[in-house]
Amino acid sequence: MDYIKYVNIKQGSQSVHRFSQGNTLPLVQKPFGFAAFSLQTDTSRGSWYYHPLDRSVEGIRLTRQPSPWISDHSVILNLHRLNMVLV
């Protein structure tokens, strides 16, 4: 059986600070990994930097943040449109 078609890394990520719908981030990492990659769609939201209904991607974020409720103290952000990396 092909289980990959059932995988949706955005499941539970359509949350806002006022109303929770899962409080997850679309994280990609190895099992028991130290850090994960995630899309960033809006920096102005702080730790709620990703929302699936946003129409553009600002960059790819390397983070240790498991949930929007638990902020990360430092990240690496690859801004692909500007061709630069912010630390």
C-alpha atoms as a PDB file:
ATOM      1  CA  MET A   1       0.000   0.000   0.000  1.00  0.00           C
ATOM      2  CA  ASP A   2       1.226   3.487  -0.851  1.00  0.00           C
ATOM      3  CA  TYR A   3       0.963   5.414   2.443  1.00  0.00           C
ATOM      4  CA  ILE A   4       2.757   8.550   1.216  1.00  0.00           C
ATOM      5  CA  LYS A   5      -0.454   9.843  -0.397  1.00  0.00           C
ATOM      6  CA  TYR A   6      -2.002  10.066   3.090  1.00  0.00           C
ATOM      7  CA  VAL A   7       0.777  12.285   4.491  1.00  0.00           C
ATOM      8  CA  ASN A   8      -0.120  15.955   4.958  1.00  0.00           C
ATOM      9  CA  ILE A   9       2.551  17.916   6.849  1.00  0.00           C
ATOM     10  CA  LYS A  10       0.216  20.932   6.998  1.00  0.00           C
ATOM     11  CA  GLN A  11      -2.363  19.035   9.100  1.00  0.00           C
ATOM     12  CA  GLY A  12      -3.249  21.089  12.197  1.00  0.00           C
ATOM     13  CA  SER A  13      -1.321  24.177  11.088  1.00  0.00           C
ATOM     14  CA  GLN A  14      -4.302  26.436  10.318  1.00  0.00           C
ATOM     15  CA  SER A  15      -4.259  28.005  13.794  1.00  0.00           C
ATOM     16  CA  VAL A  16      -4.117  31.564  15.019  1.00  0.00           C
ATOM     17  CA  HIS A  17      -3.294  32.821  18.502  1.00  0.00           C
ATOM     18  CA  ARG A  18      -6.979  33.351  19.295  1.00  0.00           C
ATOM     19  CA  PHE A  19      -8.287  29.999  18.007  1.00  0.00           C
ATOM     20  CA  SER A  20      -6.471  26.670  17.930  1.00  0.00           C
ATOM     21  CA  GLN A  21      -6.902  24.104  15.187  1.00  0.00           C
ATOM     22  CA  GLY A  22      -4.019  21.849  16.159  1.00  0.00           C
ATOM     23  CA  ASN A  23      -1.137  24.209  16.955  1.00  0.00           C
ATOM     24  CA  THR A  24       1.327  22.369  14.778  1.00  0.00           C
ATOM     25  CA  LEU A  25       3.960  23.539  12.339  1.00  0.00           C
ATOM     26  CA  PRO A  26       4.790  21.848   9.005  1.00  0.00           C
ATOM     27  CA  LEU A  27       8.127  20.491  10.207  1.00  0.00           C
ATOM     28  CA  VAL A  28      10.370  18.173   8.200  1.00  0.00           C
ATOM     29  CA  GLN A  29      13.154  16.347  10.035  1.00  0.00           C
ATOM     30  CA  LYS A  30      14.687  12.960  10.673  1.00  0.00           C
ATOM     31  CA  PRO A  31      13.166  10.900  13.506  1.00  0.00           C
ATOM     32  CA  PHE A  32      14.366  12.260  16.863  1.00  0.00           C
ATOM     33  CA  GLY A  33      16.142  15.069  15.010  1.00  0.00           C
ATOM     34  CA  PHE A  34      17.590  18.094  16.806  1.00  0.00           C
ATOM     35  CA  ALA A  35      16.348  20.686  14.310  1.00  0.00           C
ATOM     36  CA  ALA A  36      13.674  20.791  11.618  1.00  0.00           C
ATOM     37  CA  PHE A  37      12.993  22.665   8.407  1.00  0.00           C
ATOM     38  CA  SER A  38       9.772  24.606   7.978  1.00  0.00           C
ATOM     39  CA  LEU A  39       8.283  27.122   5.582  1.00  0.00           C
ATOM     40  CA  GLN A  40       7.938  30.710   6.765  1.00  0.00           C
ATOM     41  CA  THR A  41       5.105  32.750   5.284  1.00  0.00           C
ATOM     42  CA  ASP A  42       4.910  35.825   7.558  1.00  0.00           C
ATOM     43  CA  THR A  43       7.625  37.053   9.926  1.00  0.00           C
ATOM     44  CA  SER A  44       5.362  39.636  11.542  1.00  0.00           C
ATOM     45  CA  ARG A  45       3.402  36.942  13.408  1.00  0.00           C
ATOM     46  CA  GLY A  46       6.354  35.976  15.612  1.00  0.00           C
ATOM     47  CA  SER A  47       6.291  32.289  16.553  1.00  0.00           C
ATOM     48  CA  TRP A  48       3.170  31.851  14.387  1.00  0.00           C
ATOM     49  CA  TYR A  49       5.335  32.395  11.307  1.00  0.00           C
ATOM     50  CA  TYR A  50       3.505  29.853   9.112  1.00  0.00           C
ATOM     51  CA  HIS A  51      -0.130  29.767   8.010  1.00  0.00           C
ATOM     52  CA  PRO A  52      -1.353  27.473   5.207  1.00  0.00           C
ATOM     53  CA  LEU A  53      -3.673  30.103   3.711  1.00  0.00           C
ATOM     54  CA  ASP A  54      -0.872  32.631   3.081  1.00  0.00           C
ATOM     55  CA  ARG A  55      -0.244  33.060  -0.616  1.00  0.00           C
ATOM     56  CA  SER A  56       3.547  33.408  -0.560  1.00  0.00           C
ATOM     57  CA  VAL A  57       6.586  31.906   1.139  1.00  0.00           C
ATOM     58  CA  GLU A  58       9.213  34.216   2.649  1.00  0.00           C
ATOM     59  CA  GLY A  59      11.816  31.531   3.166  1.00  0.00           C
ATOM     60  CA  ILE A  60      12.834  28.195   4.622  1.00  0.00           C
ATOM     61  CA  ARG A  61      13.470  28.208   8.358  1.00  0.00           C
ATOM     62  CA  LEU A  62      15.740  25.872  10.339  1.00  0.00           C
ATOM     63  CA  THR A  63      14.226  25.739  13.817  1.00  0.00           C
ATOM     64  CA  ARG A  64      13.919  23.749  17.032  1.00  0.00           C
ATOM     65  CA  GLN A  65      10.403  25.074  17.725  1.00  0.00           C
ATOM     66  CA  PRO A  66       7.942  22.157  18.161  1.00  0.00           C
ATOM     67  CA  SER A  67       4.784  24.297  18.372  1.00  0.00           C
ATOM     68  CA  PRO A  68       3.741  27.946  17.854  1.00  0.00           C
ATOM     69  CA  TRP A  69       3.101  28.177  21.616  1.00  0.00           C
ATOM     70  CA  ILE A  70       6.755  27.387  22.377  1.00  0.00           C
ATOM     71  CA  SER A  71       8.956  30.059  20.815  1.00  0.00           C
ATOM     72  CA  ASP A  72      12.451  29.338  19.567  1.00  0.00           C
ATOM     73  CA  HIS A  73      15.345  31.453  20.821  1.00  0.00           C
ATOM     74  CA  SER A  74      17.269  31.391  17.545  1.00  0.00           C
ATOM     75  CA  VAL A  75      16.691  30.284  13.964  1.00  0.00           C
ATOM     76  CA  ILE A  76      18.420  30.260  10.618  1.00  0.00           C
ATOM     77  CA  LEU A  77      16.274  31.627   7.818  1.00  0.00           C
ATOM     78  CA  ASN A  78      17.103  31.129   4.142  1.00  0.00           C
ATOM     79  CA  LEU A  79      15.453  33.915   2.146  1.00  0.00           C
ATOM     80  CA  HIS A  80      15.466  32.343  -1.298  1.00  0.00           C
ATOM     81  CA  ARG A  81      14.158  35.438  -3.111  1.00  0.00           C
ATOM     82  CA  LEU A  82      16.867  37.678  -1.710  1.00  0.00           C
ATOM     83  CA  ASN A  83      19.564  35.022  -2.078  1.00  0.00           C
ATOM     84  CA  MET A  84      20.781  35.525   1.490  1.00  0.00           C
ATOM     85  CA  VAL A  85      20.758  33.804   4.891  1.00  0.00           C
ATOM     86  CA  LEU A  86      19.790  35.556   8.149  1.00  0.00           C
ATOM     87  CA  VAL A  87      20.927  34.242  11.533  1.00  0.00           C
END
